[in-house]
Amino acid sequence: MILSLETATKICAVALHDKGKLIAEKYLDIEHAHSSQLTVLIEAILQETHTDKKALQAVAVSVEALALPIRERVEANALLCPMLDARRMEVYCAIFDTAGKPISPTEAKIIDQESFADILQHQKIVFFGEGAGKCQTLLQHENALFLDHVLPTADSIGKLAYTRYENQQFEDLAYFEPLYLKDFVNNTKVK
């Protein structure tokens, strides 16, 4: 059994998989609820599925934006660009082919009319995720396609995690770090 957690966006989600098959998934679409509700969702999914914590073989978390949820919905030669909103006209994004192979690394990118122009000249890019909507007015190209209401899911993380589990690809927890693309800046005013 693999317990998967998605907390990279405003969605707080938990999924339970057995041998890659989704057993149950729960999510909340409430901003800033992750710290107070994640453990509640975990407990609920374990209770509802009658799963003992000792039966868990792995816990999976998202590290980068995922393109998995829409691969089956786009043309085979299109590229996928999941986007997370990073405020103002900046997004966190990466580009993948439909097989999930990274074409460009995850980066913080300020979007303007020239963003992705070199790729859009010869290939379609499907933009999606919570950061894609604000880019749509700037990225006016016939090869720029936008999908609404597509966010990473705990289910997609679990499917990827099962593949990694089967291939014995594990992170070393002593050295694992979240992928932070920017340095933390504390905006709290000192009194």
C-alpha atoms as a PDB file:
ATOM      1  CA  MET A   1       0.000   0.000   0.000  1.00  0.00           C
ATOM      2  CA  ILE A   2       1.219   3.474  -0.899  1.00  0.00           C
ATOM      3  CA  LEU A   3      -0.127   6.624   0.735  1.00  0.00           C
ATOM      4  CA  SER A   4       0.202   9.644  -1.580  1.00  0.00           C
ATOM      5  CA  LEU A   5       0.038  13.283  -0.527  1.00  0.00           C
ATOM      6  CA  GLU A   6      -0.512  16.332  -2.742  1.00  0.00           C
ATOM      7  CA  THR A   7       0.071  19.690  -1.090  1.00  0.00           C
ATOM      8  CA  ALA A   8       1.872  21.727  -3.786  1.00  0.00           C
ATOM      9  CA  THR A   9      -1.245  23.687  -4.778  1.00  0.00           C
ATOM     10  CA  LYS A  10      -4.304  24.984  -2.948  1.00  0.00           C
ATOM     11  CA  ILE A  11      -5.679  21.439  -3.146  1.00  0.00           C
ATOM     12  CA  CYS A  12      -4.883  19.252  -0.145  1.00  0.00           C
ATOM     13  CA  ALA A  13      -5.229  15.633  -1.258  1.00  0.00           C
ATOM     14  CA  VAL A  14      -4.523  12.115  -0.005  1.00  0.00           C
ATOM     15  CA  ALA A  15      -4.776   8.842  -1.931  1.00  0.00           C
ATOM     16  CA  LEU A  16      -4.268   5.203  -1.097  1.00  0.00           C
ATOM     17  CA  HIS A  17      -3.055   2.741  -3.735  1.00  0.00           C
ATOM     18  CA  ASP A  18      -2.608  -1.019  -3.637  1.00  0.00           C
ATOM     19  CA  LYS A  19      -0.212  -2.305  -6.325  1.00  0.00           C
ATOM     20  CA  GLY A  20      -0.799   0.858  -8.365  1.00  0.00           C
ATOM     21  CA  LYS A  21      -4.602   0.619  -8.191  1.00  0.00           C
ATOM     22  CA  LEU A  22      -6.471   3.502  -6.559  1.00  0.00           C
ATOM     23  CA  ILE A  23      -8.312   2.334  -3.445  1.00  0.00           C
ATOM     24  CA  ALA A  24      -9.498   5.719  -2.181  1.00  0.00           C
ATOM     25  CA  GLU A  25      -8.830   9.442  -2.568  1.00  0.00           C
ATOM     26  CA  LYS A  26      -9.860  12.448  -0.495  1.00  0.00           C
ATOM     27  CA  TYR A  27      -9.229  16.107  -1.164  1.00  0.00           C
ATOM     28  CA  LEU A  28     -10.093  19.573   0.043  1.00  0.00           C
ATOM     29  CA  ASP A  29     -10.159  22.690  -2.120  1.00  0.00           C
ATOM     30  CA  ILE A  30      -9.619  25.141   0.731  1.00  0.00           C
ATOM     31  CA  GLU A  31      -6.655  27.501   0.666  1.00  0.00           C
ATOM     32  CA  HIS A  32      -4.284  27.388   3.625  1.00  0.00           C
ATOM     33  CA  ALA A  33      -5.910  24.261   5.057  1.00  0.00           C
ATOM     34  CA  HIS A  34      -2.970  21.909   4.540  1.00  0.00           C
ATOM     35  CA  SER A  35      -1.425  22.143   7.991  1.00  0.00           C
ATOM     36  CA  SER A  36      -4.712  21.670   9.814  1.00  0.00           C
ATOM     37  CA  GLN A  37      -6.397  19.142   7.506  1.00  0.00           C
ATOM     38  CA  LEU A  38      -3.712  16.870   6.033  1.00  0.00           C
ATOM     39  CA  THR A  39      -3.547  14.540   9.029  1.00  0.00           C
ATOM     40  CA  VAL A  40      -7.345  14.565   9.263  1.00  0.00           C
ATOM     41  CA  LEU A  41      -7.583  13.383   5.634  1.00  0.00           C
ATOM     42  CA  ILE A  42      -4.935  10.705   6.226  1.00  0.00           C
ATOM     43  CA  GLU A  43      -6.755   9.348   9.273  1.00  0.00           C
ATOM     44  CA  ALA A  44     -10.101   9.414   7.446  1.00  0.00           C
ATOM     45  CA  ILE A  45      -8.812   7.511   4.406  1.00  0.00           C
ATOM     46  CA  LEU A  46      -7.119   4.879   6.574  1.00  0.00           C
ATOM     47  CA  GLN A  47     -10.254   4.413   8.689  1.00  0.00           C
ATOM     48  CA  GLU A  48     -12.636   4.272   5.721  1.00  0.00           C
ATOM     49  CA  THR A  49     -10.500   1.660   3.945  1.00  0.00           C
ATOM     50  CA  HIS A  50      -9.807  -0.276   7.162  1.00  0.00           C
ATOM     51  CA  THR A  51      -6.069   0.078   6.532  1.00  0.00           C
ATOM     52  CA  ASP A  52      -3.618  -0.173   9.397  1.00  0.00           C
ATOM     53  CA  LYS A  53      -0.701   2.268   9.251  1.00  0.00           C
ATOM     54  CA  LYS A  54       1.639  -0.720   9.489  1.00  0.00           C
ATOM     55  CA  ALA A  55       0.348  -1.917   6.103  1.00  0.00           C
ATOM     56  CA  LEU A  56       1.789   1.158   4.377  1.00  0.00           C
ATOM     57  CA  GLN A  57       4.868   0.290   2.331  1.00  0.00           C
ATOM     58  CA  ALA A  58       5.629   3.844   1.208  1.00  0.00           C
ATOM     59  CA  VAL A  59       4.518   7.447   1.457  1.00  0.00           C
ATOM     60  CA  ALA A  60       4.730   9.519  -1.726  1.00  0.00           C
ATOM     61  CA  VAL A  61       4.812  13.300  -2.038  1.00  0.00           C
ATOM     62  CA  SER A  62       4.934  15.547  -5.081  1.00  0.00           C
ATOM     63  CA  VAL A  63       8.288  17.173  -5.778  1.00  0.00           C
ATOM     64  CA  GLU A  64       7.700  18.803  -9.142  1.00  0.00           C
ATOM     65  CA  ALA A  65       4.664  19.770 -11.198  1.00  0.00           C
ATOM     66  CA  LEU A  66       3.055  16.692 -12.701  1.00  0.00           C
ATOM     67  CA  ALA A  67       1.849  16.238 -16.260  1.00  0.00           C
ATOM     68  CA  LEU A  68       0.329  12.799 -15.658  1.00  0.00           C
ATOM     69  CA  PRO A  69      -3.352  13.803 -15.211  1.00  0.00           C
ATOM     70  CA  ILE A  70      -3.806  14.951 -18.825  1.00  0.00           C
ATOM     71  CA  ARG A  71      -1.465  12.800 -20.934  1.00  0.00           C
ATOM     72  CA  GLU A  72      -4.341  10.766 -22.332  1.00  0.00           C
ATOM     73  CA  ARG A  73      -6.327  13.885 -23.293  1.00  0.00           C
ATOM     74  CA  VAL A  74      -3.861  15.509 -25.734  1.00  0.00           C
ATOM     75  CA  GLU A  75      -2.277  14.814 -29.107  1.00  0.00           C
ATOM     76  CA  ALA A  76       0.703  12.460 -28.980  1.00  0.00           C
ATOM     77  CA  ASN A  77       3.161  15.038 -30.367  1.00  0.00           C
ATOM     78  CA  ALA A  78       2.067  17.924 -28.135  1.00  0.00           C
ATOM     79  CA  LEU A  79       4.193  19.058 -25.222  1.00  0.00           C
ATOM     80  CA  LEU A  80       2.750  19.481 -21.736  1.00  0.00           C
ATOM     81  CA  CYS A  81       3.433  22.501 -19.540  1.00  0.00           C
ATOM     82  CA  PRO A  82       1.985  22.323 -16.022  1.00  0.00           C
ATOM     83  CA  MET A  83       2.041  25.723 -14.307  1.00  0.00           C
ATOM     84  CA  LEU A  84       1.769  26.715 -10.666  1.00  0.00           C
ATOM     85  CA  ASP A  85       0.988  30.329  -9.855  1.00  0.00           C
ATOM     86  CA  ALA A  86       3.980  32.149  -8.347  1.00  0.00           C
ATOM     87  CA  ARG A  87       2.230  35.555  -8.088  1.00  0.00           C
ATOM     88  CA  ARG A  88       2.300  38.534 -10.420  1.00  0.00           C
ATOM     89  CA  MET A  89       3.190  37.299 -13.929  1.00  0.00           C
ATOM     90  CA  GLU A  90       5.475  34.536 -12.708  1.00  0.00           C
ATOM     91  CA  VAL A  91       4.800  30.803 -12.767  1.00  0.00           C
ATOM     92  CA  TYR A  92       6.625  27.658 -11.779  1.00  0.00           C
ATOM     93  CA  CYS A  93       6.628  25.434 -14.833  1.00  0.00           C
ATOM     94  CA  ALA A  94       8.341  22.636 -16.731  1.00  0.00           C
ATOM     95  CA  ILE A  95       7.814  21.068 -20.135  1.00  0.00           C
ATOM     96  CA  PHE A  96       7.233  17.329 -20.656  1.00  0.00           C
ATOM     97  CA  ASP A  97       6.478  15.149 -23.642  1.00  0.00           C
ATOM     98  CA  THR A  98       3.348  12.994 -23.459  1.00  0.00           C
ATOM     99  CA  ALA A  99       5.399  10.056 -22.178  1.00  0.00           C
ATOM    100  CA  GLY A 100       6.278  12.161 -19.119  1.00  0.00           C
ATOM    101  CA  LYS A 101       9.903  12.720 -20.139  1.00  0.00           C
ATOM    102  CA  PRO A 102      11.152  16.170 -19.061  1.00  0.00           C
ATOM    103  CA  ILE A 103      12.004  18.477 -21.975  1.00  0.00           C
ATOM    104  CA  SER A 104      12.888  21.443 -19.768  1.00  0.00           C
ATOM    105  CA  PRO A 105      13.510  21.524 -16.009  1.00  0.00           C
ATOM    106  CA  THR A 106      11.127  23.026 -13.503  1.00  0.00           C
ATOM    107  CA  GLU A 107      11.802  26.747 -13.250  1.00  0.00           C
ATOM    108  CA  ALA A 108      10.378  30.030 -12.041  1.00  0.00           C
ATOM    109  CA  LYS A 109       9.474  31.923 -15.215  1.00  0.00           C
ATOM    110  CA  ILE A 110       8.184  35.449 -15.740  1.00  0.00           C
ATOM    111  CA  ILE A 111       5.645  35.240 -18.556  1.00  0.00           C
ATOM    112  CA  ASP A 112       5.569  37.721 -21.433  1.00  0.00           C
ATOM    113  CA  GLN A 113       4.588  37.576 -25.127  1.00  0.00           C
ATOM    114  CA  GLU A 114       7.914  35.935 -26.049  1.00  0.00           C
ATOM    115  CA  SER A 115       7.711  33.135 -23.485  1.00  0.00           C
ATOM    116  CA  PHE A 116       7.954  29.708 -25.159  1.00  0.00           C
ATOM    117  CA  ALA A 117       8.064  31.411 -28.606  1.00  0.00           C
ATOM    118  CA  ASP A 118      10.926  29.253 -29.878  1.00  0.00           C
ATOM    119  CA  ILE A 119       9.013  26.016 -29.143  1.00  0.00           C
ATOM    120  CA  LEU A 120       5.592  27.315 -30.210  1.00  0.00           C
ATOM    121  CA  GLN A 121       6.948  28.066 -33.695  1.00  0.00           C
ATOM    122  CA  HIS A 122       7.091  24.341 -34.467  1.00  0.00           C
ATOM    123  CA  GLN A 123       5.184  22.454 -31.770  1.00  0.00           C
ATOM    124  CA  LYS A 124       1.959  22.589 -29.767  1.00  0.00           C
ATOM    125  CA  ILE A 125       2.205  23.156 -26.033  1.00  0.00           C
ATOM    126  CA  VAL A 126      -0.706  22.390 -23.729  1.00  0.00           C
ATOM    127  CA  PHE A 127      -0.635  24.755 -20.729  1.00  0.00           C
ATOM    128  CA  PHE A 128      -2.577  23.796 -17.615  1.00  0.00           C
ATOM    129  CA  GLY A 129      -2.624  24.174 -13.855  1.00  0.00           C
ATOM    130  CA  GLU A 130      -3.460  27.036 -11.542  1.00  0.00           C
ATOM    131  CA  GLY A 131      -0.913  29.358 -13.188  1.00  0.00           C
ATOM    132  CA  ALA A 132      -1.976  28.824 -16.811  1.00  0.00           C
ATOM    133  CA  GLY A 133      -5.071  31.054 -16.801  1.00  0.00           C
ATOM    134  CA  LYS A 134      -3.163  34.271 -16.227  1.00  0.00           C
ATOM    135  CA  CYS A 135      -0.814  33.430 -19.114  1.00  0.00           C
ATOM    136  CA  GLN A 136      -3.517  32.862 -21.709  1.00  0.00           C
ATOM    137  CA  THR A 137      -3.863  36.520 -22.746  1.00  0.00           C
ATOM    138  CA  LEU A 138      -0.108  36.859 -23.283  1.00  0.00           C
ATOM    139  CA  LEU A 139       0.584  33.571 -25.043  1.00  0.00           C
ATOM    140  CA  GLN A 140      -1.471  34.189 -28.170  1.00  0.00           C
ATOM    141  CA  HIS A 141      -0.222  31.589 -30.636  1.00  0.00           C
ATOM    142  CA  GLU A 142      -2.054  28.942 -32.643  1.00  0.00           C
ATOM    143  CA  ASN A 143       0.139  26.247 -31.017  1.00  0.00           C
ATOM    144  CA  ALA A 144      -0.595  27.447 -27.468  1.00  0.00           C
ATOM    145  CA  LEU A 145      -3.477  25.410 -26.045  1.00  0.00           C
ATOM    146  CA  PHE A 146      -4.976  25.861 -22.586  1.00  0.00           C
ATOM    147  CA  LEU A 147      -6.872  23.396 -20.405  1.00  0.00           C
ATOM    148  CA  ASP A 148      -8.885  24.673 -17.449  1.00  0.00           C
ATOM    149  CA  HIS A 149      -9.401  23.018 -14.066  1.00  0.00           C
ATOM    150  CA  VAL A 150      -6.432  20.629 -14.199  1.00  0.00           C
ATOM    151  CA  LEU A 151      -4.490  20.307 -10.964  1.00  0.00           C
ATOM    152  CA  PRO A 152      -2.088  17.685  -9.628  1.00  0.00           C
ATOM    153  CA  THR A 153      -3.841  14.866  -7.806  1.00  0.00           C
ATOM    154  CA  ALA A 154      -2.791  12.455  -5.106  1.00  0.00           C
ATOM    155  CA  ASP A 155      -3.972   9.691  -7.452  1.00  0.00           C
ATOM    156  CA  SER A 156      -1.426  10.662 -10.136  1.00  0.00           C
ATOM    157  CA  ILE A 157       1.329  10.862  -7.512  1.00  0.00           C
ATOM    158  CA  GLY A 158       0.423   7.368  -6.329  1.00  0.00           C
ATOM    159  CA  LYS A 159       0.626   5.954  -9.847  1.00  0.00           C
ATOM    160  CA  LEU A 160       4.075   7.449 -10.345  1.00  0.00           C
ATOM    161  CA  ALA A 161       5.120   6.310  -6.879  1.00  0.00           C
ATOM    162  CA  TYR A 162       4.121   2.715  -7.596  1.00  0.00           C
ATOM    163  CA  THR A 163       6.338   2.647 -10.687  1.00  0.00           C
ATOM    164  CA  ARG A 164       9.249   3.993  -8.645  1.00  0.00           C
ATOM    165  CA  TYR A 165       8.488   1.512  -5.851  1.00  0.00           C
ATOM    166  CA  GLU A 166       8.508  -1.405  -8.281  1.00  0.00           C
ATOM    167  CA  ASN A 167      11.866  -0.204  -9.680  1.00  0.00           C
ATOM    168  CA  GLN A 168      13.256   0.215  -6.151  1.00  0.00           C
ATOM    169  CA  GLN A 169      13.814   3.962  -6.754  1.00  0.00           C
ATOM    170  CA  PHE A 170      13.635   5.546  -3.326  1.00  0.00           C
ATOM    171  CA  GLU A 171      14.700   8.933  -1.997  1.00  0.00           C
ATOM    172  CA  ASP A 172      17.279   9.070   0.765  1.00  0.00           C
ATOM    173  CA  LEU A 173      15.303  10.851   3.467  1.00  0.00           C
ATOM    174  CA  ALA A 174      18.487  12.088   5.142  1.00  0.00           C
ATOM    175  CA  TYR A 175      19.282  14.168   2.046  1.00  0.00           C
ATOM    176  CA  PHE A 176      15.894  14.740   0.420  1.00  0.00           C
ATOM    177  CA  GLU A 177      14.900  18.398   0.018  1.00  0.00           C
ATOM    178  CA  PRO A 178      11.732  19.911  -1.370  1.00  0.00           C
ATOM    179  CA  LEU A 179      12.169  21.652  -4.715  1.00  0.00           C
ATOM    180  CA  TYR A 180      12.112  25.323  -3.789  1.00  0.00           C
ATOM    181  CA  LEU A 181      12.752  27.455  -6.844  1.00  0.00           C
ATOM    182  CA  LYS A 182      13.175  30.675  -4.898  1.00  0.00           C
ATOM    183  CA  ASP A 183      14.775  31.595  -1.620  1.00  0.00           C
ATOM    184  CA  PHE A 184      12.379  32.082   1.268  1.00  0.00           C
ATOM    185  CA  VAL A 185      11.745  35.739   2.078  1.00  0.00           C
ATOM    186  CA  ASN A 186      10.108  36.499   5.416  1.00  0.00           C
ATOM    187  CA  ASN A 187       7.667  39.402   4.998  1.00  0.00           C
ATOM    188  CA  THR A 188       6.699  39.551   8.666  1.00  0.00           C
ATOM    189  CA  LYS A 189       7.091  43.047  10.072  1.00  0.00           C
ATOM    190  CA  VAL A 190       9.062  43.344  13.276  1.00  0.00           C
ATOM    191  CA  LYS A 191       7.361  45.510  15.913  1.00  0.00           C
END
